[in-house]
Amino acid sequence: MLRMKSKNFNTTKQTAFDTCKKVLIGSNCNIISSDFATGKIEAKKSSSFLSYGHILSVAVETTVSGKTKISISSSSVGIQIIDWGTNSNNEDELFELISNSLR
């Protein structure tokens, strides 16, 4: 099971889902799959000097309190043993971009 960072937002599921996709594409990620009904988005971020790339998993759901919960997980692609903190940085960066977009 993936470890996911989560935050709640005062917006609709549709707005949050669309914003997540827009932010991922703007971050040079390729959307692998997206399904609004399940609230799941999967994207791939290309490789860099320190990694073979990353798979970003996003889950968007409406909470009991009526807020929208966004959960994000980044995992390294390939045989990479050490992520040098890039997975956590990817998650934090996406949350910052999503938060700024939803303001």
PDB file of N, CA and C in Angstrom:
ATOM      1  N   MET A   1       0.836  -1.184   0.000  1.00  0.00           N
ATOM      2  CA  MET A   1       0.000   0.000   0.000  1.00  0.00           C
ATOM      3  C   MET A   1       0.880   1.247   0.000  1.00  0.00           C
ATOM      4  N   LEU A   2       0.496   2.205  -0.813  1.00  0.00           N
ATOM      5  CA  LEU A   2       1.258   3.442  -0.930  1.00  0.00           C
ATOM      6  C   LEU A   2       1.028   4.356   0.256  1.00  0.00           C
ATOM      7  N   ARG A   3       2.078   5.028   0.671  1.00  0.00           N
ATOM      8  CA  ARG A   3       1.980   6.073   1.679  1.00  0.00           C
ATOM      9  C   ARG A   3       1.561   7.324   0.935  1.00  0.00           C
ATOM     10  N   MET A   4       0.490   7.955   1.379  1.00  0.00           N
ATOM     11  CA  MET A   4      -0.009   9.142   0.703  1.00  0.00           C
ATOM     12  C   MET A   4      -0.115  10.300   1.681  1.00  0.00           C
ATOM     13  N   LYS A   5       0.306  11.478   1.225  1.00  0.00           N
ATOM     14  CA  LYS A   5       0.091  12.699   1.981  1.00  0.00           C
ATOM     15  C   LYS A   5      -1.276  13.218   1.581  1.00  0.00           C
ATOM     16  N   SER A   6      -2.044  13.738   2.533  1.00  0.00           N
ATOM     17  CA  SER A   6      -3.406  14.204   2.255  1.00  0.00           C
ATOM     18  C   SER A   6      -3.650  15.593   2.822  1.00  0.00           C
ATOM     19  N   LYS A   7      -4.509  16.337   2.125  1.00  0.00           N
ATOM     20  CA  LYS A   7      -4.965  17.644   2.593  1.00  0.00           C
ATOM     21  C   LYS A   7      -6.419  17.816   2.178  1.00  0.00           C
ATOM     22  N   ASN A   8      -7.174  18.550   2.999  1.00  0.00           N
ATOM     23  CA  ASN A   8      -8.569  18.852   2.689  1.00  0.00           C
ATOM     24  C   ASN A   8      -8.682  20.263   2.124  1.00  0.00           C
ATOM     25  N   PHE A   9      -9.615  20.428   1.173  1.00  0.00           N
ATOM     26  CA  PHE A   9      -9.840  21.709   0.521  1.00  0.00           C
ATOM     27  C   PHE A   9     -11.332  22.021   0.505  1.00  0.00           C
ATOM     28  N   ASN A  10     -11.663  23.309   0.573  1.00  0.00           N
ATOM     29  CA  ASN A  10     -13.049  23.761   0.502  1.00  0.00           C
ATOM     30  C   ASN A  10     -13.427  24.004  -0.953  1.00  0.00           C
ATOM     31  N   THR A  11     -13.631  22.937  -1.689  1.00  0.00           N
ATOM     32  CA  THR A  11     -14.014  23.010  -3.095  1.00  0.00           C
ATOM     33  C   THR A  11     -14.748  21.733  -3.466  1.00  0.00           C
ATOM     34  N   THR A  12     -15.287  21.702  -4.662  1.00  0.00           N
ATOM     35  CA  THR A  12     -15.998  20.499  -5.109  1.00  0.00           C
ATOM     36  C   THR A  12     -14.999  19.457  -5.604  1.00  0.00           C
ATOM     37  N   LYS A  13     -15.441  18.228  -5.648  1.00  0.00           N
ATOM     38  CA  LYS A  13     -14.604  17.155  -6.166  1.00  0.00           C
ATOM     39  C   LYS A  13     -14.228  17.430  -7.614  1.00  0.00           C
ATOM     40  N   GLN A  14     -15.182  17.910  -8.407  1.00  0.00           N
ATOM     41  CA  GLN A  14     -14.922  18.178  -9.827  1.00  0.00           C
ATOM     42  C   GLN A  14     -13.828  19.236  -9.994  1.00  0.00           C
ATOM     43  N   THR A  15     -13.938  20.326  -9.249  1.00  0.00           N
ATOM     44  CA  THR A  15     -12.939  21.399  -9.339  1.00  0.00           C
ATOM     45  C   THR A  15     -11.570  20.892  -8.899  1.00  0.00           C
ATOM     46  N   ALA A  16     -11.532  20.142  -7.809  1.00  0.00           N
ATOM     47  CA  ALA A  16     -10.263  19.600  -7.308  1.00  0.00           C
ATOM     48  C   ALA A  16      -9.650  18.636  -8.314  1.00  0.00           C
ATOM     49  N   PHE A  17     -10.459  17.769  -8.887  1.00  0.00           N
ATOM     50  CA  PHE A  17      -9.985  16.778  -9.857  1.00  0.00           C
ATOM     51  C   PHE A  17      -9.404  17.479 -11.086  1.00  0.00           C
ATOM     52  N   ASP A  18     -10.140  18.443 -11.619  1.00  0.00           N
ATOM     53  CA  ASP A  18      -9.672  19.195 -12.791  1.00  0.00           C
ATOM     54  C   ASP A  18      -8.399  19.961 -12.486  1.00  0.00           C
ATOM     55  N   THR A  19      -8.323  20.549 -11.295  1.00  0.00           N
ATOM     56  CA  THR A  19      -7.134  21.305 -10.890  1.00  0.00           C
ATOM     57  C   THR A  19      -5.928  20.379 -10.779  1.00  0.00           C
ATOM     58  N   CYS A  20      -6.111  19.209 -10.204  1.00  0.00           N
ATOM     59  CA  CYS A  20      -5.008  18.250 -10.084  1.00  0.00           C
ATOM     60  C   CYS A  20      -4.463  17.876 -11.462  1.00  0.00           C
ATOM     61  N   LYS A  21      -5.343  17.597 -12.402  1.00  0.00           N
ATOM     62  CA  LYS A  21      -4.900  17.249 -13.749  1.00  0.00           C
ATOM     63  C   LYS A  21      -4.148  18.415 -14.392  1.00  0.00           C
ATOM     64  N   LYS A  22      -4.674  19.629 -14.247  1.00  0.00           N
ATOM     65  CA  LYS A  22      -4.042  20.816 -14.819  1.00  0.00           C
ATOM     66  C   LYS A  22      -2.647  21.021 -14.220  1.00  0.00           C
ATOM     67  N   VAL A  23      -2.530  20.877 -12.909  1.00  0.00           N
ATOM     68  CA  VAL A  23      -1.246  21.060 -12.230  1.00  0.00           C
ATOM     69  C   VAL A  23      -0.246  19.987 -12.662  1.00  0.00           C
ATOM     70  N   LEU A  24      -0.684  18.748 -12.776  1.00  0.00           N
ATOM     71  CA  LEU A  24       0.208  17.674 -13.212  1.00  0.00           C
ATOM     72  C   LEU A  24       0.746  17.944 -14.617  1.00  0.00           C
ATOM     73  N   ILE A  25      -0.137  18.314 -15.517  1.00  0.00           N
ATOM     74  CA  ILE A  25       0.285  18.600 -16.890  1.00  0.00           C
ATOM     75  C   ILE A  25       1.231  19.799 -16.906  1.00  0.00           C
ATOM     76  N   GLY A  26       0.937  20.826 -16.120  1.00  0.00           N
ATOM     77  CA  GLY A  26       1.798  21.998 -16.025  1.00  0.00           C
ATOM     78  C   GLY A  26       3.147  21.712 -15.390  1.00  0.00           C
ATOM     79  N   SER A  27       3.255  20.583 -14.695  1.00  0.00           N
ATOM     80  CA  SER A  27       4.512  20.175 -14.055  1.00  0.00           C
ATOM     81  C   SER A  27       5.279  19.182 -14.919  1.00  0.00           C
ATOM     82  N   ASN A  28       4.968  19.182 -16.206  1.00  0.00           N
ATOM     83  CA  ASN A  28       5.631  18.288 -17.173  1.00  0.00           C
ATOM     84  C   ASN A  28       5.442  16.809 -16.857  1.00  0.00           C
ATOM     85  N   CYS A  29       4.247  16.471 -16.373  1.00  0.00           N
ATOM     86  CA  CYS A  29       3.898  15.070 -16.139  1.00  0.00           C
ATOM     87  C   CYS A  29       2.999  14.595 -17.275  1.00  0.00           C
ATOM     88  N   ASN A  30       3.094  13.324 -17.597  1.00  0.00           N
ATOM     89  CA  ASN A  30       2.199  12.712 -18.563  1.00  0.00           C
ATOM     90  C   ASN A  30       1.119  11.965 -17.797  1.00  0.00           C
ATOM     91  N   ILE A  31      -0.134  12.288 -18.069  1.00  0.00           N
ATOM     92  CA  ILE A  31      -1.242  11.577 -17.425  1.00  0.00           C
ATOM     93  C   ILE A  31      -1.316  10.173 -18.012  1.00  0.00           C
ATOM     94  N   ILE A  32      -1.192   9.169 -17.167  1.00  0.00           N
ATOM     95  CA  ILE A  32      -1.280   7.774 -17.590  1.00  0.00           C
ATOM     96  C   ILE A  32      -2.740   7.338 -17.586  1.00  0.00           C
ATOM     97  N   SER A  33      -3.455   7.700 -16.520  1.00  0.00           N
ATOM     98  CA  SER A  33      -4.875   7.357 -16.424  1.00  0.00           C
ATOM     99  C   SER A  33      -5.572   8.352 -15.506  1.00  0.00           C
ATOM    100  N   SER A  34      -6.848   8.556 -15.771  1.00  0.00           N
ATOM    101  CA  SER A  34      -7.659   9.386 -14.876  1.00  0.00           C
ATOM    102  C   SER A  34      -9.096   8.912 -14.961  1.00  0.00           C
ATOM    103  N   ASP A  35      -9.740   8.827 -13.801  1.00  0.00           N
ATOM    104  CA  ASP A  35     -11.116   8.360 -13.722  1.00  0.00           C
ATOM    105  C   ASP A  35     -11.838   9.175 -12.655  1.00  0.00           C
ATOM    106  N   PHE A  36     -12.694  10.083 -13.089  1.00  0.00           N
ATOM    107  CA  PHE A  36     -13.391  10.947 -12.148  1.00  0.00           C
ATOM    108  C   PHE A  36     -14.266  10.153 -11.185  1.00  0.00           C
ATOM    109  N   ALA A  37     -14.926   9.099 -11.668  1.00  0.00           N
ATOM    110  CA  ALA A  37     -15.833   8.317 -10.820  1.00  0.00           C
ATOM    111  C   ALA A  37     -15.116   7.759  -9.592  1.00  0.00           C
ATOM    112  N   THR A  38     -13.894   7.280  -9.779  1.00  0.00           N
ATOM    113  CA  THR A  38     -13.130   6.745  -8.647  1.00  0.00           C
ATOM    114  C   THR A  38     -12.251   7.818  -8.000  1.00  0.00           C
ATOM    115  N   GLY A  39     -12.088   8.947  -8.688  1.00  0.00           N
ATOM    116  CA  GLY A  39     -11.261  10.034  -8.176  1.00  0.00           C
ATOM    117  C   GLY A  39      -9.777   9.783  -8.302  1.00  0.00           C
ATOM    118  N   LYS A  40      -9.382   8.846  -9.148  1.00  0.00           N
ATOM    119  CA  LYS A  40      -7.975   8.452  -9.265  1.00  0.00           C
ATOM    120  C   LYS A  40      -7.320   9.046 -10.509  1.00  0.00           C
ATOM    121  N   ILE A  41      -6.102   9.554 -10.312  1.00  0.00           N
ATOM    122  CA  ILE A  41      -5.268  10.048 -11.405  1.00  0.00           C
ATOM    123  C   ILE A  41      -3.886   9.442 -11.211  1.00  0.00           C
ATOM    124  N   GLU A  42      -3.304   8.966 -12.307  1.00  0.00           N
ATOM    125  CA  GLU A  42      -1.939   8.466 -12.254  1.00  0.00           C
ATOM    126  C   GLU A  42      -1.149   9.170 -13.348  1.00  0.00           C
ATOM    127  N   ALA A  43       0.036   9.655 -12.993  1.00  0.00           N
ATOM    128  CA  ALA A  43       0.869  10.388 -13.946  1.00  0.00           C
ATOM    129  C   ALA A  43       2.323   9.972 -13.785  1.00  0.00           C
ATOM    130  N   LYS A  44       3.090  10.205 -14.841  1.00  0.00           N
ATOM    131  CA  LYS A  44       4.523   9.899 -14.802  1.00  0.00           C
ATOM    132  C   LYS A  44       5.310  11.183 -15.003  1.00  0.00           C
ATOM    133  N   LYS A  45       6.254  11.405 -14.114  1.00  0.00           N
ATOM    134  CA  LYS A  45       7.162  12.543 -14.224  1.00  0.00           C
ATOM    135  C   LYS A  45       8.460  12.005 -14.805  1.00  0.00           C
ATOM    136  N   SER A  46       8.989  12.697 -15.802  1.00  0.00           N
ATOM    137  CA  SER A  46      10.160  12.189 -16.516  1.00  0.00           C
ATOM    138  C   SER A  46      11.402  12.106 -15.639  1.00  0.00           C
ATOM    139  N   SER A  47      12.391  11.410 -16.166  1.00  0.00           N
ATOM    140  CA  SER A  47      13.623  11.182 -15.431  1.00  0.00           C
ATOM    141  C   SER A  47      14.449  12.461 -15.322  1.00  0.00           C
ATOM    142  N   SER A  48      15.369  12.422 -14.381  1.00  0.00           N
ATOM    143  CA  SER A  48      16.284  13.546 -14.170  1.00  0.00           C
ATOM    144  C   SER A  48      17.656  12.978 -13.836  1.00  0.00           C
ATOM    145  N   PHE A  49      18.573  13.846 -13.498  1.00  0.00           N
ATOM    146  CA  PHE A  49      19.923  13.419 -13.141  1.00  0.00           C
ATOM    147  C   PHE A  49      19.920  12.456 -11.952  1.00  0.00           C
ATOM    148  N   LEU A  50      18.991  12.650 -11.017  1.00  0.00           N
ATOM    149  CA  LEU A  50      18.971  11.839  -9.803  1.00  0.00           C
ATOM    150  C   LEU A  50      18.008  10.651  -9.830  1.00  0.00           C
ATOM    151  N   SER A  51      17.208  10.502 -10.915  1.00  0.00           N
ATOM    152  CA  SER A  51      16.218   9.412 -10.890  1.00  0.00           C
ATOM    153  C   SER A  51      15.848   8.950 -12.288  1.00  0.00           C
ATOM    154  N   TYR A  52      15.175   7.807 -12.330  1.00  0.00           N
ATOM    155  CA  TYR A  52      14.648   7.266 -13.578  1.00  0.00           C
ATOM    156  C   TYR A  52      13.230   7.773 -13.837  1.00  0.00           C
ATOM    157  N   GLY A  53      12.756   8.638 -12.999  1.00  0.00           N
ATOM    158  CA  GLY A  53      11.401   9.168 -13.116  1.00  0.00           C
ATOM    159  C   GLY A  53      10.565   8.771 -11.911  1.00  0.00           C
ATOM    160  N   HIS A  54       9.326   9.269 -11.895  1.00  0.00           N
ATOM    161  CA  HIS A  54       8.440   9.025 -10.759  1.00  0.00           C
ATOM    162  C   HIS A  54       7.021   8.779 -11.251  1.00  0.00           C
ATOM    163  N   ILE A  55       6.314   7.932 -10.521  1.00  0.00           N
ATOM    164  CA  ILE A  55       4.885   7.733 -10.740  1.00  0.00           C
ATOM    165  C   ILE A  55       4.169   8.503  -9.635  1.00  0.00           C
ATOM    166  N   LEU A  56       3.264   9.394 -10.036  1.00  0.00           N
ATOM    167  CA  LEU A  56       2.486  10.187  -9.086  1.00  0.00           C
ATOM    168  C   LEU A  56       1.060   9.664  -9.081  1.00  0.00           C
ATOM    169  N   SER A  57       0.596   9.270  -7.923  1.00  0.00           N
ATOM    170  CA  SER A  57      -0.770   8.790  -7.750  1.00  0.00           C
ATOM    171  C   SER A  57      -1.551   9.825  -6.953  1.00  0.00           C
ATOM    172  N   VAL A  58      -2.709  10.217  -7.486  1.00  0.00           N
ATOM    173  CA  VAL A  58      -3.549  11.221  -6.839  1.00  0.00           C
ATOM    174  C   VAL A  58      -4.934  10.623  -6.631  1.00  0.00           C
ATOM    175  N   ALA A  59      -5.488  10.838  -5.449  1.00  0.00           N
ATOM    176  CA  ALA A  59      -6.853  10.406  -5.141  1.00  0.00           C
ATOM    177  C   ALA A  59      -7.640  11.625  -4.663  1.00  0.00           C
ATOM    178  N   VAL A  60      -8.812  11.818  -5.238  1.00  0.00           N
ATOM    179  CA  VAL A  60      -9.677  12.949  -4.881  1.00  0.00           C
ATOM    180  C   VAL A  60     -11.005  12.380  -4.420  1.00  0.00           C
ATOM    181  N   GLU A  61     -11.447  12.787  -3.219  1.00  0.00           N
ATOM    182  CA  GLU A  61     -12.717  12.275  -2.693  1.00  0.00           C
ATOM    183  C   GLU A  61     -13.400  13.324  -1.830  1.00  0.00           C
ATOM    184  N   THR A  62     -14.708  13.207  -1.756  1.00  0.00           N
ATOM    185  CA  THR A  62     -15.492  14.093  -0.903  1.00  0.00           C
ATOM    186  C   THR A  62     -15.546  13.488   0.489  1.00  0.00           C
ATOM    187  N   THR A  63     -15.290  14.318   1.504  1.00  0.00           N
ATOM    188  CA  THR A  63     -15.308  13.834   2.885  1.00  0.00           C
ATOM    189  C   THR A  63     -16.725  13.933   3.450  1.00  0.00           C
ATOM    190  N   VAL A  64     -16.920  13.329   4.604  1.00  0.00           N
ATOM    191  CA  VAL A  64     -18.211  13.359   5.286  1.00  0.00           C
ATOM    192  C   VAL A  64     -18.612  14.804   5.614  1.00  0.00           C
ATOM    193  N   SER A  65     -17.615  15.645   5.906  1.00  0.00           N
ATOM    194  CA  SER A  65     -17.893  17.038   6.260  1.00  0.00           C
ATOM    195  C   SER A  65     -18.160  17.921   5.047  1.00  0.00           C
ATOM    196  N   GLY A  66     -18.103  17.340   3.839  1.00  0.00           N
ATOM    197  CA  GLY A  66     -18.385  18.094   2.633  1.00  0.00           C
ATOM    198  C   GLY A  66     -17.173  18.741   1.988  1.00  0.00           C
ATOM    199  N   LYS A  67     -16.008  18.577   2.589  1.00  0.00           N
ATOM    200  CA  LYS A  67     -14.786  19.090   1.980  1.00  0.00           C
ATOM    201  C   LYS A  67     -14.287  18.070   0.960  1.00  0.00           C
ATOM    202  N   THR A  68     -13.265  18.451   0.223  1.00  0.00           N
ATOM    203  CA  THR A  68     -12.661  17.533  -0.736  1.00  0.00           C
ATOM    204  C   THR A  68     -11.258  17.196  -0.268  1.00  0.00           C
ATOM    205  N   LYS A  69     -10.985  15.915  -0.142  1.00  0.00           N
ATOM    206  CA  LYS A  69      -9.686  15.422   0.303  1.00  0.00           C
ATOM    207  C   LYS A  69      -8.867  15.024  -0.918  1.00  0.00           C
ATOM    208  N   ILE A  70      -7.654  15.574  -1.010  1.00  0.00           N
ATOM    209  CA  ILE A  70      -6.727  15.198  -2.066  1.00  0.00           C
ATOM    210  C   ILE A  70      -5.556  14.475  -1.410  1.00  0.00           C
ATOM    211  N   SER A  71      -5.243  13.302  -1.922  1.00  0.00           N
ATOM    212  CA  SER A  71      -4.120  12.513  -1.430  1.00  0.00           C
ATOM    213  C   SER A  71      -3.145  12.303  -2.578  1.00  0.00           C
ATOM    214  N   ILE A  72      -1.851  12.455  -2.289  1.00  0.00           N
ATOM    215  CA  ILE A  72      -0.824  12.334  -3.319  1.00  0.00           C
ATOM    216  C   ILE A  72       0.287  11.419  -2.835  1.00  0.00           C
ATOM    217  N   SER A  73       0.757  10.561  -3.739  1.00  0.00           N
ATOM    218  CA  SER A  73       1.906   9.715  -3.465  1.00  0.00           C
ATOM    219  C   SER A  73       2.825   9.738  -4.672  1.00  0.00           C
ATOM    220  N   SER A  74       4.119   9.851  -4.421  1.00  0.00           N
ATOM    221  CA  SER A  74       5.128   9.799  -5.472  1.00  0.00           C
ATOM    222  C   SER A  74       6.022   8.605  -5.200  1.00  0.00           C
ATOM    223  N   SER A  75       6.291   7.803  -6.229  1.00  0.00           N
ATOM    224  CA  SER A  75       7.184   6.658  -6.068  1.00  0.00           C
ATOM    225  C   SER A  75       8.174   6.618  -7.226  1.00  0.00           C
ATOM    226  N   SER A  76       9.357   6.176  -6.925  1.00  0.00           N
ATOM    227  CA  SER A  76      10.426   6.120  -7.924  1.00  0.00           C
ATOM    228  C   SER A  76      10.175   4.986  -8.904  1.00  0.00           C
ATOM    229  N   VAL A  77      10.603   5.209 -10.144  1.00  0.00           N
ATOM    230  CA  VAL A  77      10.485   4.214 -11.204  1.00  0.00           C
ATOM    231  C   VAL A  77      11.799   3.439 -11.288  1.00  0.00           C
ATOM    232  N   GLY A  78      11.705   2.169 -11.604  1.00  0.00           N
ATOM    233  CA  GLY A  78      12.902   1.371 -11.850  1.00  0.00           C
ATOM    234  C   GLY A  78      13.534   0.828 -10.591  1.00  0.00           C
ATOM    235  N   ILE A  79      14.824   0.612 -10.683  1.00  0.00           N
ATOM    236  CA  ILE A  79      15.560  -0.053  -9.608  1.00  0.00           C
ATOM    237  C   ILE A  79      16.207   0.917  -8.636  1.00  0.00           C
ATOM    238  N   GLN A  80      15.743   2.133  -8.637  1.00  0.00           N
ATOM    239  CA  GLN A  80      16.320   3.164  -7.780  1.00  0.00           C
ATOM    240  C   GLN A  80      16.104   2.808  -6.305  1.00  0.00           C
ATOM    241  N   ILE A  81      17.183   2.758  -5.548  1.00  0.00           N
ATOM    242  CA  ILE A  81      17.126   2.378  -4.134  1.00  0.00           C
ATOM    243  C   ILE A  81      16.937   3.606  -3.244  1.00  0.00           C
ATOM    244  N   ILE A  82      17.637   4.689  -3.544  1.00  0.00           N
ATOM    245  CA  ILE A  82      17.554   5.917  -2.745  1.00  0.00           C
ATOM    246  C   ILE A  82      16.860   6.979  -3.586  1.00  0.00           C
ATOM    247  N   ASP A  83      15.870   7.645  -3.010  1.00  0.00           N
ATOM    248  CA  ASP A  83      15.144   8.664  -3.794  1.00  0.00           C
ATOM    249  C   ASP A  83      15.657  10.077  -3.571  1.00  0.00           C
ATOM    250  N   TRP A  84      16.632  10.252  -2.682  1.00  0.00           N
ATOM    251  CA  TRP A  84      17.250  11.548  -2.407  1.00  0.00           C
ATOM    252  C   TRP A  84      16.226  12.603  -1.993  1.00  0.00           C
ATOM    253  N   GLY A  85      15.073  12.168  -1.484  1.00  0.00           N
ATOM    254  CA  GLY A  85      14.035  13.085  -1.024  1.00  0.00           C
ATOM    255  C   GLY A  85      13.137  13.617  -2.131  1.00  0.00           C
ATOM    256  N   THR A  86      13.342  13.149  -3.357  1.00  0.00           N
ATOM    257  CA  THR A  86      12.561  13.694  -4.469  1.00  0.00           C
ATOM    258  C   THR A  86      11.080  13.309  -4.387  1.00  0.00           C
ATOM    259  N   ASN A  87      10.765  12.134  -3.854  1.00  0.00           N
ATOM    260  CA  ASN A  87       9.351  11.745  -3.763  1.00  0.00           C
ATOM    261  C   ASN A  87       8.590  12.683  -2.831  1.00  0.00           C
ATOM    262  N   SER A  88       9.155  12.951  -1.682  1.00  0.00           N
ATOM    263  CA  SER A  88       8.517  13.874  -0.745  1.00  0.00           C
ATOM    264  C   SER A  88       8.447  15.280  -1.340  1.00  0.00           C
ATOM    265  N   ASN A  89       9.512  15.702  -2.022  1.00  0.00           N
ATOM    266  CA  ASN A  89       9.513  17.016  -2.666  1.00  0.00           C
ATOM    267  C   ASN A  89       8.443  17.110  -3.747  1.00  0.00           C
ATOM    268  N   ASN A  90       8.273  16.028  -4.538  1.00  0.00           N
ATOM    269  CA  ASN A  90       7.228  16.010  -5.570  1.00  0.00           C
ATOM    270  C   ASN A  90       5.850  16.203  -4.945  1.00  0.00           C
ATOM    271  N   GLU A  91       5.591  15.484  -3.858  1.00  0.00           N
ATOM    272  CA  GLU A  91       4.294  15.578  -3.186  1.00  0.00           C
ATOM    273  C   GLU A  91       4.059  16.986  -2.651  1.00  0.00           C
ATOM    274  N   ASP A  92       5.064  17.533  -1.968  1.00  0.00           N
ATOM    275  CA  ASP A  92       4.937  18.882  -1.396  1.00  0.00           C
ATOM    276  C   ASP A  92       4.754  19.934  -2.489  1.00  0.00           C
ATOM    277  N   GLU A  93       5.502  19.811  -3.576  1.00  0.00           N
ATOM    278  CA  GLU A  93       5.406  20.758  -4.685  1.00  0.00           C
ATOM    279  C   GLU A  93       4.011  20.723  -5.314  1.00  0.00           C
ATOM    280  N   LEU A  94       3.472  19.513  -5.520  1.00  0.00           N
ATOM    281  CA  LEU A  94       2.128  19.411  -6.096  1.00  0.00           C
ATOM    282  C   LEU A  94       1.085  20.021  -5.178  1.00  0.00           C
ATOM    283  N   PHE A  95       1.185  19.775  -3.873  1.00  0.00           N
ATOM    284  CA  PHE A  95       0.229  20.382  -2.940  1.00  0.00           C
ATOM    285  C   PHE A  95       0.318  21.902  -2.966  1.00  0.00           C
ATOM    286  N   GLU A  96       1.516  22.431  -3.069  1.00  0.00           N
ATOM    287  CA  GLU A  96       1.666  23.882  -3.131  1.00  0.00           C
ATOM    288  C   GLU A  96       1.019  24.438  -4.402  1.00  0.00           C
ATOM    289  N   LEU A  97       1.253  23.784  -5.534  1.00  0.00           N
ATOM    290  CA  LEU A  97       0.664  24.234  -6.797  1.00  0.00           C
ATOM    291  C   LEU A  97      -0.860  24.105  -6.787  1.00  0.00           C
ATOM    292  N   ILE A  98      -1.360  23.019  -6.225  1.00  0.00           N
ATOM    293  CA  ILE A  98      -2.812  22.817  -6.137  1.00  0.00           C
ATOM    294  C   ILE A  98      -3.423  23.884  -5.224  1.00  0.00           C
ATOM    295  N   SER A  99      -2.814  24.099  -4.063  1.00  0.00           N
ATOM    296  CA  SER A  99      -3.316  25.111  -3.124  1.00  0.00           C
ATOM    297  C   SER A  99      -3.362  26.493  -3.783  1.00  0.00           C
ATOM    298  N   ASN A 100      -2.299  26.854  -4.495  1.00  0.00           N
ATOM    299  CA  ASN A 100      -2.260  28.156  -5.174  1.00  0.00           C
ATOM    300  C   ASN A 100      -3.317  28.241  -6.260  1.00  0.00           C
ATOM    301  N   SER A 101      -3.548  27.153  -6.978  1.00  0.00           N
ATOM    302  CA  SER A 101      -4.552  27.148  -8.050  1.00  0.00           C
ATOM    303  C   SER A 101      -5.980  27.236  -7.522  1.00  0.00           C
ATOM    304  N   LEU A 102      -6.202  26.712  -6.322  1.00  0.00           N
ATOM    305  CA  LEU A 102      -7.564  26.694  -5.757  1.00  0.00           C
ATOM    306  C   LEU A 102      -7.883  27.963  -4.962  1.00  0.00           C
ATOM    307  N   ARG A 103      -6.963  28.889  -4.844  1.00  0.00           N
ATOM    308  CA  ARG A 103      -7.203  30.148  -4.111  1.00  0.00           C
ATOM    309  C   ARG A 103      -8.044  31.090  -4.920  1.00  0.00           C
TER     310      ARG A 103
END
